[in-house]
């Protein structure tokens, strides 16, 4: 199966503004007390499918905010808008990533938990160097819960990191996420050499994790991230009902 690679950032597409933010992201049945039969044994592989009931990349794509949501000055970045299609990929851990990945799309991969499907898209206003990023990832078993726990640990490991584009130190602050889904968190990124800041939010709904990012020239982008997270998480919640 071909691995669909997530976009790791759109920074190269943005004009460099020294004072602006640089952003670039089932279990089987219980054992029977009856004697084992040929029919029971044959059914076991199907019931043990770890991807059973999970959403494909195509399904997740439909839960992203549409282009009509974004201001007219924002354009979709084709290189940062991908999904895994109608098949599932191996839940391969991304590996340990640098803390600077927080300032890119696909930042959920800092959890080092592999998803079996995902969909993401980015919208950029190049004239002012602002960016929206949205992503939905589907995980096997307890994977989504582990993602949230791992991201909280990232806040301890990555209290600061270096932004090479502005030659500055970025401060990372972990906060409470929006009141959506089963669990949520937020990160706020700031630097003395940025004109604004970046807000990242992660929301877990069952086996799905929604992540959004907004890089702002004015303010920290929390208001914009909240609205986008609400739209995407709302669609996932509706699908799960």
C-alpha atoms as a PDB file:
ATOM      1  CA  UNK A   1       0.000   0.000   0.000  1.00  0.00           C
ATOM      2  CA  UNK A   2       1.397   3.400  -0.936  1.00  0.00           C
ATOM      3  CA  UNK A   3       1.961   5.716   1.990  1.00  0.00           C
ATOM      4  CA  UNK A   4       0.422   9.131   1.447  1.00  0.00           C
ATOM      5  CA  UNK A   5       2.835  11.640   2.941  1.00  0.00           C
ATOM      6  CA  UNK A   6       1.428  14.545   4.901  1.00  0.00           C
ATOM      7  CA  UNK A   7       2.476  18.062   4.120  1.00  0.00           C
ATOM      8  CA  UNK A   8       4.892  19.236   6.777  1.00  0.00           C
ATOM      9  CA  UNK A   9       4.601  22.942   6.219  1.00  0.00           C
ATOM     10  CA  UNK A  10       3.854  25.756   3.798  1.00  0.00           C
ATOM     11  CA  UNK A  11       6.468  28.250   4.939  1.00  0.00           C
ATOM     12  CA  UNK A  12       8.366  28.098   1.680  1.00  0.00           C
ATOM     13  CA  UNK A  13       5.330  29.495  -0.098  1.00  0.00           C
ATOM     14  CA  UNK A  14       5.009  32.503   2.168  1.00  0.00           C
ATOM     15  CA  UNK A  15       6.864  35.778   1.693  1.00  0.00           C
ATOM     16  CA  UNK A  16       9.382  36.331   4.459  1.00  0.00           C
ATOM     17  CA  UNK A  17       8.290  39.089   6.804  1.00  0.00           C
ATOM     18  CA  UNK A  18      10.756  39.349   9.650  1.00  0.00           C
ATOM     19  CA  UNK A  19       8.147  40.476  12.173  1.00  0.00           C
ATOM     20  CA  UNK A  20       5.494  37.958  11.135  1.00  0.00           C
ATOM     21  CA  UNK A  21       4.921  34.395  12.291  1.00  0.00           C
ATOM     22  CA  UNK A  22       6.471  31.743  10.081  1.00  0.00           C
ATOM     23  CA  UNK A  23       4.264  28.671   9.696  1.00  0.00           C
ATOM     24  CA  UNK A  24       4.672  26.360   7.255  1.00  0.00           C
ATOM     25  CA  UNK A  25       0.714  19.388   8.806  1.00  0.00           C
ATOM     26  CA  UNK A  26     -11.808  -3.094  17.270  1.00  0.00           C
ATOM     27  CA  UNK A  27     -11.249  -5.784  19.358  1.00  0.00           C
ATOM     28  CA  UNK A  28     -12.353  -9.375  18.688  1.00  0.00           C
ATOM     29  CA  UNK A  29     -15.313 -11.116  20.286  1.00  0.00           C
ATOM     30  CA  UNK A  30     -15.013 -12.549  23.788  1.00  0.00           C
ATOM     31  CA  UNK A  31     -13.779 -16.184  23.870  1.00  0.00           C
ATOM     32  CA  UNK A  32     -16.624 -18.633  23.454  1.00  0.00           C
ATOM     33  CA  UNK A  33     -17.334 -21.234  26.135  1.00  0.00           C
ATOM     34  CA  UNK A  34     -18.458 -23.629  23.367  1.00  0.00           C
ATOM     35  CA  UNK A  35     -16.056 -25.978  21.548  1.00  0.00           C
ATOM     36  CA  UNK A  36     -14.150 -24.323  18.740  1.00  0.00           C
ATOM     37  CA  UNK A  37     -15.683 -24.941  15.329  1.00  0.00           C
ATOM     38  CA  UNK A  38     -14.481 -24.400  11.791  1.00  0.00           C
ATOM     39  CA  UNK A  39     -17.055 -21.618  11.318  1.00  0.00           C
ATOM     40  CA  UNK A  40     -15.842 -19.715  14.400  1.00  0.00           C
ATOM     41  CA  UNK A  41     -12.210 -19.977  13.352  1.00  0.00           C
ATOM     42  CA  UNK A  42     -12.982 -18.694   9.844  1.00  0.00           C
ATOM     43  CA  UNK A  43     -14.761 -15.627  11.186  1.00  0.00           C
ATOM     44  CA  UNK A  44     -11.894 -14.604  13.489  1.00  0.00           C
ATOM     45  CA  UNK A  45      -9.758 -12.692  10.952  1.00  0.00           C
ATOM     46  CA  UNK A  46     -12.681 -10.436   9.982  1.00  0.00           C
ATOM     47  CA  UNK A  47     -13.662  -9.615  13.571  1.00  0.00           C
ATOM     48  CA  UNK A  48     -10.030  -8.847  14.420  1.00  0.00           C
ATOM     49  CA  UNK A  49      -9.574  -6.295  11.609  1.00  0.00           C
ATOM     50  CA  UNK A  50      -8.072  -3.238  13.400  1.00  0.00           C
ATOM     51  CA  UNK A  51      -9.432  -0.920  10.693  1.00  0.00           C
ATOM     52  CA  UNK A  52     -13.021  -2.166  10.912  1.00  0.00           C
ATOM     53  CA  UNK A  53     -15.436   0.737  11.268  1.00  0.00           C
ATOM     54  CA  UNK A  54     -12.764   3.419  10.815  1.00  0.00           C
ATOM     55  CA  UNK A  55     -13.082   6.306   8.377  1.00  0.00           C
ATOM     56  CA  UNK A  56     -11.068   6.517   5.170  1.00  0.00           C
ATOM     57  CA  UNK A  57      -9.226   9.581   3.945  1.00  0.00           C
ATOM     58  CA  UNK A  58     -11.999  10.232   1.438  1.00  0.00           C
ATOM     59  CA  UNK A  59     -14.578  10.271   4.229  1.00  0.00           C
ATOM     60  CA  UNK A  60     -12.382  12.471   6.415  1.00  0.00           C
ATOM     61  CA  UNK A  61     -11.881  14.943   3.549  1.00  0.00           C
ATOM     62  CA  UNK A  62     -15.627  15.659   3.557  1.00  0.00           C
ATOM     63  CA  UNK A  63     -15.322  16.819   7.182  1.00  0.00           C
ATOM     64  CA  UNK A  64     -12.818  19.577   6.451  1.00  0.00           C
ATOM     65  CA  UNK A  65     -14.090  23.147   6.251  1.00  0.00           C
ATOM     66  CA  UNK A  66     -14.882  23.999   2.618  1.00  0.00           C
ATOM     67  CA  UNK A  67     -13.125  26.704   0.624  1.00  0.00           C
ATOM     68  CA  UNK A  68     -16.186  28.923   1.071  1.00  0.00           C
ATOM     69  CA  UNK A  69     -15.428  29.192   4.807  1.00  0.00           C
ATOM     70  CA  UNK A  70     -12.147  31.025   4.293  1.00  0.00           C
ATOM     71  CA  UNK A  71     -11.854  34.747   3.523  1.00  0.00           C
ATOM     72  CA  UNK A  72     -11.538  35.508  -0.190  1.00  0.00           C
ATOM     73  CA  UNK A  73      -7.917  36.627   0.286  1.00  0.00           C
ATOM     74  CA  UNK A  74      -6.936  33.067   1.278  1.00  0.00           C
ATOM     75  CA  UNK A  75      -6.065  30.525  -1.400  1.00  0.00           C
ATOM     76  CA  UNK A  76      -5.837  26.757  -1.017  1.00  0.00           C
ATOM     77  CA  UNK A  77      -2.281  25.429  -1.010  1.00  0.00           C
ATOM     78  CA  UNK A  78      -2.341  22.307  -3.252  1.00  0.00           C
ATOM     79  CA  UNK A  79       0.893  20.952  -1.748  1.00  0.00           C
ATOM     80  CA  UNK A  80      -0.653  21.040   1.725  1.00  0.00           C
ATOM     81  CA  UNK A  81      -4.016  19.554   0.745  1.00  0.00           C
ATOM     82  CA  UNK A  82      -3.801  15.754   0.637  1.00  0.00           C
ATOM     83  CA  UNK A  83      -5.587  12.660   1.961  1.00  0.00           C
ATOM     84  CA  UNK A  84      -5.185   8.883   2.038  1.00  0.00           C
ATOM     85  CA  UNK A  85      -8.079   8.141  -0.318  1.00  0.00           C
ATOM     86  CA  UNK A  86     -10.272   5.055  -0.002  1.00  0.00           C
ATOM     87  CA  UNK A  87      -7.732   2.688   1.562  1.00  0.00           C
ATOM     88  CA  UNK A  88      -6.003   2.469   4.926  1.00  0.00           C
ATOM     89  CA  UNK A  89      -2.255   2.777   5.430  1.00  0.00           C
ATOM     90  CA  UNK A  90      -0.066   1.087   8.005  1.00  0.00           C
ATOM     91  CA  UNK A  91      -0.146   2.837  11.403  1.00  0.00           C
ATOM     92  CA  UNK A  92       3.584   3.535  11.211  1.00  0.00           C
ATOM     93  CA  UNK A  93       4.919   5.919  13.897  1.00  0.00           C
ATOM     94  CA  UNK A  94       6.342   9.102  12.301  1.00  0.00           C
ATOM     95  CA  UNK A  95       9.395   8.935  14.566  1.00  0.00           C
ATOM     96  CA  UNK A  96      10.770  11.628  16.867  1.00  0.00           C
ATOM     97  CA  UNK A  97      10.422  15.033  15.226  1.00  0.00           C
ATOM     98  CA  UNK A  98      12.049  18.358  16.049  1.00  0.00           C
ATOM     99  CA  UNK A  99      10.106  20.783  18.242  1.00  0.00           C
ATOM    100  CA  UNK A 100      10.013  23.232  15.334  1.00  0.00           C
ATOM    101  CA  UNK A 101       7.409  20.911  13.766  1.00  0.00           C
ATOM    102  CA  UNK A 102       4.910  22.690  16.023  1.00  0.00           C
ATOM    103  CA  UNK A 103       5.169  25.646  13.666  1.00  0.00           C
ATOM    104  CA  UNK A 104       4.093  23.638  10.625  1.00  0.00           C
ATOM    105  CA  UNK A 105       1.090  21.804   9.295  1.00  0.00           C
ATOM    106  CA  UNK A 106       0.986  18.116  10.257  1.00  0.00           C
ATOM    107  CA  UNK A 107       2.122  19.041  13.778  1.00  0.00           C
ATOM    108  CA  UNK A 108       0.019  16.209  15.234  1.00  0.00           C
ATOM    109  CA  UNK A 109       2.837  13.873  14.137  1.00  0.00           C
ATOM    110  CA  UNK A 110       4.873  15.114  17.092  1.00  0.00           C
ATOM    111  CA  UNK A 111       2.815  12.567  19.055  1.00  0.00           C
ATOM    112  CA  UNK A 112       4.763   9.811  17.244  1.00  0.00           C
ATOM    113  CA  UNK A 113       1.515   7.825  16.826  1.00  0.00           C
ATOM    114  CA  UNK A 114       0.729   6.707  13.288  1.00  0.00           C
ATOM    115  CA  UNK A 115      -2.737   7.199  11.814  1.00  0.00           C
ATOM    116  CA  UNK A 116      -4.310   4.791   9.340  1.00  0.00           C
ATOM    117  CA  UNK A 117      -6.024   7.558   7.368  1.00  0.00           C
ATOM    118  CA  UNK A 118      -6.056  11.338   7.263  1.00  0.00           C
ATOM    119  CA  UNK A 119      -7.151  14.373   5.297  1.00  0.00           C
ATOM    120  CA  UNK A 120      -5.690  17.868   5.477  1.00  0.00           C
ATOM    121  CA  UNK A 121      -5.845  21.194   3.671  1.00  0.00           C
ATOM    122  CA  UNK A 122      -4.156  24.573   4.055  1.00  0.00           C
ATOM    123  CA  UNK A 123      -5.271  28.062   3.032  1.00  0.00           C
ATOM    124  CA  UNK A 124      -2.796  30.937   2.828  1.00  0.00           C
ATOM    125  CA  UNK A 125      -3.001  34.690   2.435  1.00  0.00           C
ATOM    126  CA  UNK A 126       0.421  35.385   0.944  1.00  0.00           C
ATOM    127  CA  UNK A 127      -0.018  39.152   0.997  1.00  0.00           C
ATOM    128  CA  UNK A 128       0.041  39.272   4.807  1.00  0.00           C
ATOM    129  CA  UNK A 129       1.617  35.891   5.654  1.00  0.00           C
ATOM    130  CA  UNK A 130      -1.365  34.405   7.483  1.00  0.00           C
ATOM    131  CA  UNK A 131      -2.368  30.768   7.266  1.00  0.00           C
ATOM    132  CA  UNK A 132      -5.135  28.327   8.179  1.00  0.00           C
ATOM    133  CA  UNK A 133      -4.380  24.596   8.410  1.00  0.00           C
ATOM    134  CA  UNK A 134      -6.854  21.804   9.166  1.00  0.00           C
ATOM    135  CA  UNK A 135      -6.397  18.062   9.503  1.00  0.00           C
ATOM    136  CA  UNK A 136      -8.395  15.013  10.583  1.00  0.00           C
ATOM    137  CA  UNK A 137      -6.628  11.764  11.522  1.00  0.00           C
ATOM    138  CA  UNK A 138      -8.123   8.333  12.222  1.00  0.00           C
ATOM    139  CA  UNK A 139      -6.374   5.948  14.638  1.00  0.00           C
ATOM    140  CA  UNK A 140      -6.712   2.289  15.549  1.00  0.00           C
ATOM    141  CA  UNK A 141      -7.795   1.225  19.024  1.00  0.00           C
ATOM    142  CA  UNK A 142      -6.602   3.595  21.732  1.00  0.00           C
ATOM    143  CA  UNK A 143      -4.348   5.492  19.329  1.00  0.00           C
ATOM    144  CA  UNK A 144      -6.300   8.760  19.491  1.00  0.00           C
ATOM    145  CA  UNK A 145      -6.143   8.808  23.294  1.00  0.00           C
ATOM    146  CA  UNK A 146      -2.410   8.165  23.145  1.00  0.00           C
ATOM    147  CA  UNK A 147      -2.012  11.069  20.705  1.00  0.00           C
ATOM    148  CA  UNK A 148      -3.532  13.520  23.163  1.00  0.00           C
ATOM    149  CA  UNK A 149      -1.393  12.244  26.032  1.00  0.00           C
ATOM    150  CA  UNK A 150       1.738  12.431  23.881  1.00  0.00           C
ATOM    151  CA  UNK A 151       0.992  15.983  22.733  1.00  0.00           C
ATOM    152  CA  UNK A 152       0.773  17.105  26.355  1.00  0.00           C
ATOM    153  CA  UNK A 153       4.234  15.642  26.904  1.00  0.00           C
ATOM    154  CA  UNK A 154       5.449  17.594  23.875  1.00  0.00           C
ATOM    155  CA  UNK A 155       4.650  20.772  25.798  1.00  0.00           C
ATOM    156  CA  UNK A 156       7.202  19.703  28.408  1.00  0.00           C
ATOM    157  CA  UNK A 157       9.835  18.653  25.882  1.00  0.00           C
ATOM    158  CA  UNK A 158       9.321  21.671  23.649  1.00  0.00           C
ATOM    159  CA  UNK A 159       9.000  24.677  25.934  1.00  0.00           C
ATOM    160  CA  UNK A 160      10.936  26.674  23.335  1.00  0.00           C
ATOM    161  CA  UNK A 161      12.443  26.096  19.909  1.00  0.00           C
ATOM    162  CA  UNK A 162      14.459  28.071  17.389  1.00  0.00           C
ATOM    163  CA  UNK A 163      12.780  29.723  14.405  1.00  0.00           C
ATOM    164  CA  UNK A 164      15.468  29.905  11.754  1.00  0.00           C
ATOM    165  CA  UNK A 165      13.468  32.168   9.468  1.00  0.00           C
ATOM    166  CA  UNK A 166      13.443  35.026  11.981  1.00  0.00           C
ATOM    167  CA  UNK A 167      16.507  33.956  14.003  1.00  0.00           C
ATOM    168  CA  UNK A 168      14.438  34.001  17.176  1.00  0.00           C
ATOM    169  CA  UNK A 169      13.308  31.767  20.035  1.00  0.00           C
ATOM    170  CA  UNK A 170       9.685  30.650  19.996  1.00  0.00           C
ATOM    171  CA  UNK A 171       7.916  30.100  23.319  1.00  0.00           C
ATOM    172  CA  UNK A 172       5.347  27.288  23.522  1.00  0.00           C
ATOM    173  CA  UNK A 173       2.448  27.435  25.962  1.00  0.00           C
ATOM    174  CA  UNK A 174       0.072  24.520  26.528  1.00  0.00           C
ATOM    175  CA  UNK A 175      -3.511  25.528  27.246  1.00  0.00           C
ATOM    176  CA  UNK A 176      -7.020  24.213  27.518  1.00  0.00           C
ATOM    177  CA  UNK A 177      -8.636  23.486  24.189  1.00  0.00           C
ATOM    178  CA  UNK A 178     -12.175  24.295  23.051  1.00  0.00           C
ATOM    179  CA  UNK A 179     -15.061  22.520  24.786  1.00  0.00           C
ATOM    180  CA  UNK A 180     -15.539  20.005  22.003  1.00  0.00           C
ATOM    181  CA  UNK A 181     -15.363  16.230  21.725  1.00  0.00           C
ATOM    182  CA  UNK A 182     -13.909  13.865  24.318  1.00  0.00           C
ATOM    183  CA  UNK A 183     -10.671  15.755  24.948  1.00  0.00           C
ATOM    184  CA  UNK A 184      -8.957  18.890  23.687  1.00  0.00           C
ATOM    185  CA  UNK A 185      -5.860  21.025  24.098  1.00  0.00           C
ATOM    186  CA  UNK A 186      -4.206  24.054  22.579  1.00  0.00           C
ATOM    187  CA  UNK A 187      -0.727  25.410  22.001  1.00  0.00           C
ATOM    188  CA  UNK A 188       0.147  29.080  21.675  1.00  0.00           C
ATOM    189  CA  UNK A 189       3.383  29.990  19.905  1.00  0.00           C
ATOM    190  CA  UNK A 190       4.917  33.432  20.358  1.00  0.00           C
ATOM    191  CA  UNK A 191       8.240  35.113  19.646  1.00  0.00           C
ATOM    192  CA  UNK A 192       9.560  38.622  20.324  1.00  0.00           C
ATOM    193  CA  UNK A 193      10.415  38.912  16.629  1.00  0.00           C
ATOM    194  CA  UNK A 194       6.952  37.916  15.383  1.00  0.00           C
ATOM    195  CA  UNK A 195       4.347  40.565  14.809  1.00  0.00           C
ATOM    196  CA  UNK A 196       1.607  38.144  15.850  1.00  0.00           C
ATOM    197  CA  UNK A 197       1.414  34.528  16.999  1.00  0.00           C
ATOM    198  CA  UNK A 198       0.093  31.067  16.182  1.00  0.00           C
ATOM    199  CA  UNK A 199      -2.581  28.974  17.875  1.00  0.00           C
ATOM    200  CA  UNK A 200      -2.841  25.212  17.427  1.00  0.00           C
ATOM    201  CA  UNK A 201      -5.767  23.136  18.686  1.00  0.00           C
ATOM    202  CA  UNK A 202      -6.331  19.370  18.933  1.00  0.00           C
ATOM    203  CA  UNK A 203      -9.724  17.782  19.618  1.00  0.00           C
ATOM    204  CA  UNK A 204     -10.352  14.059  20.068  1.00  0.00           C
ATOM    205  CA  UNK A 205     -13.686  12.582  19.046  1.00  0.00           C
ATOM    206  CA  UNK A 206     -13.589   8.835  19.655  1.00  0.00           C
ATOM    207  CA  UNK A 207     -10.846   7.416  17.441  1.00  0.00           C
ATOM    208  CA  UNK A 208     -10.443  10.655  15.462  1.00  0.00           C
ATOM    209  CA  UNK A 209      -8.187  13.616  16.248  1.00  0.00           C
ATOM    210  CA  UNK A 210      -8.946  16.993  14.651  1.00  0.00           C
ATOM    211  CA  UNK A 211      -6.063  19.472  14.526  1.00  0.00           C
ATOM    212  CA  UNK A 212      -6.137  23.079  13.325  1.00  0.00           C
ATOM    213  CA  UNK A 213      -3.626  25.911  13.114  1.00  0.00           C
ATOM    214  CA  UNK A 214      -3.973  29.617  12.546  1.00  0.00           C
ATOM    215  CA  UNK A 215      -0.964  31.867  12.069  1.00  0.00           C
ATOM    216  CA  UNK A 216      -1.875  35.514  12.675  1.00  0.00           C
ATOM    217  CA  UNK A 217      -0.109  38.785  12.011  1.00  0.00           C
ATOM    218  CA  UNK A 218      -2.251  40.480  14.656  1.00  0.00           C
ATOM    219  CA  UNK A 219      -3.044  38.668  17.916  1.00  0.00           C
ATOM    220  CA  UNK A 220      -2.343  34.992  18.505  1.00  0.00           C
ATOM    221  CA  UNK A 221      -4.921  33.470  16.143  1.00  0.00           C
ATOM    222  CA  UNK A 222      -6.989  31.837  18.915  1.00  0.00           C
ATOM    223  CA  UNK A 223     -10.343  33.205  17.732  1.00  0.00           C
ATOM    224  CA  UNK A 224      -9.817  31.995  14.166  1.00  0.00           C
ATOM    225  CA  UNK A 225      -8.570  28.582  15.331  1.00  0.00           C
ATOM    226  CA  UNK A 226     -11.614  28.183  17.598  1.00  0.00           C
ATOM    227  CA  UNK A 227     -14.047  28.799  14.743  1.00  0.00           C
ATOM    228  CA  UNK A 228     -12.283  26.431  12.362  1.00  0.00           C
ATOM    229  CA  UNK A 229     -11.985  23.722  15.029  1.00  0.00           C
ATOM    230  CA  UNK A 230     -15.687  24.043  15.776  1.00  0.00           C
ATOM    231  CA  UNK A 231     -16.656  23.501  12.148  1.00  0.00           C
ATOM    232  CA  UNK A 232     -14.432  20.460  11.588  1.00  0.00           C
ATOM    233  CA  UNK A 233     -15.094  18.835  14.973  1.00  0.00           C
ATOM    234  CA  UNK A 234     -18.818  19.443  14.500  1.00  0.00           C
ATOM    235  CA  UNK A 235     -18.783  17.478  11.266  1.00  0.00           C
ATOM    236  CA  UNK A 236     -16.902  14.591  12.871  1.00  0.00           C
ATOM    237  CA  UNK A 237     -19.303  14.534  15.814  1.00  0.00           C
ATOM    238  CA  UNK A 238     -22.291  14.548  13.470  1.00  0.00           C
ATOM    239  CA  UNK A 239     -20.803  11.628  11.528  1.00  0.00           C
ATOM    240  CA  UNK A 240     -20.310   9.628  14.730  1.00  0.00           C
ATOM    241  CA  UNK A 241     -23.949   9.947  15.841  1.00  0.00           C
END
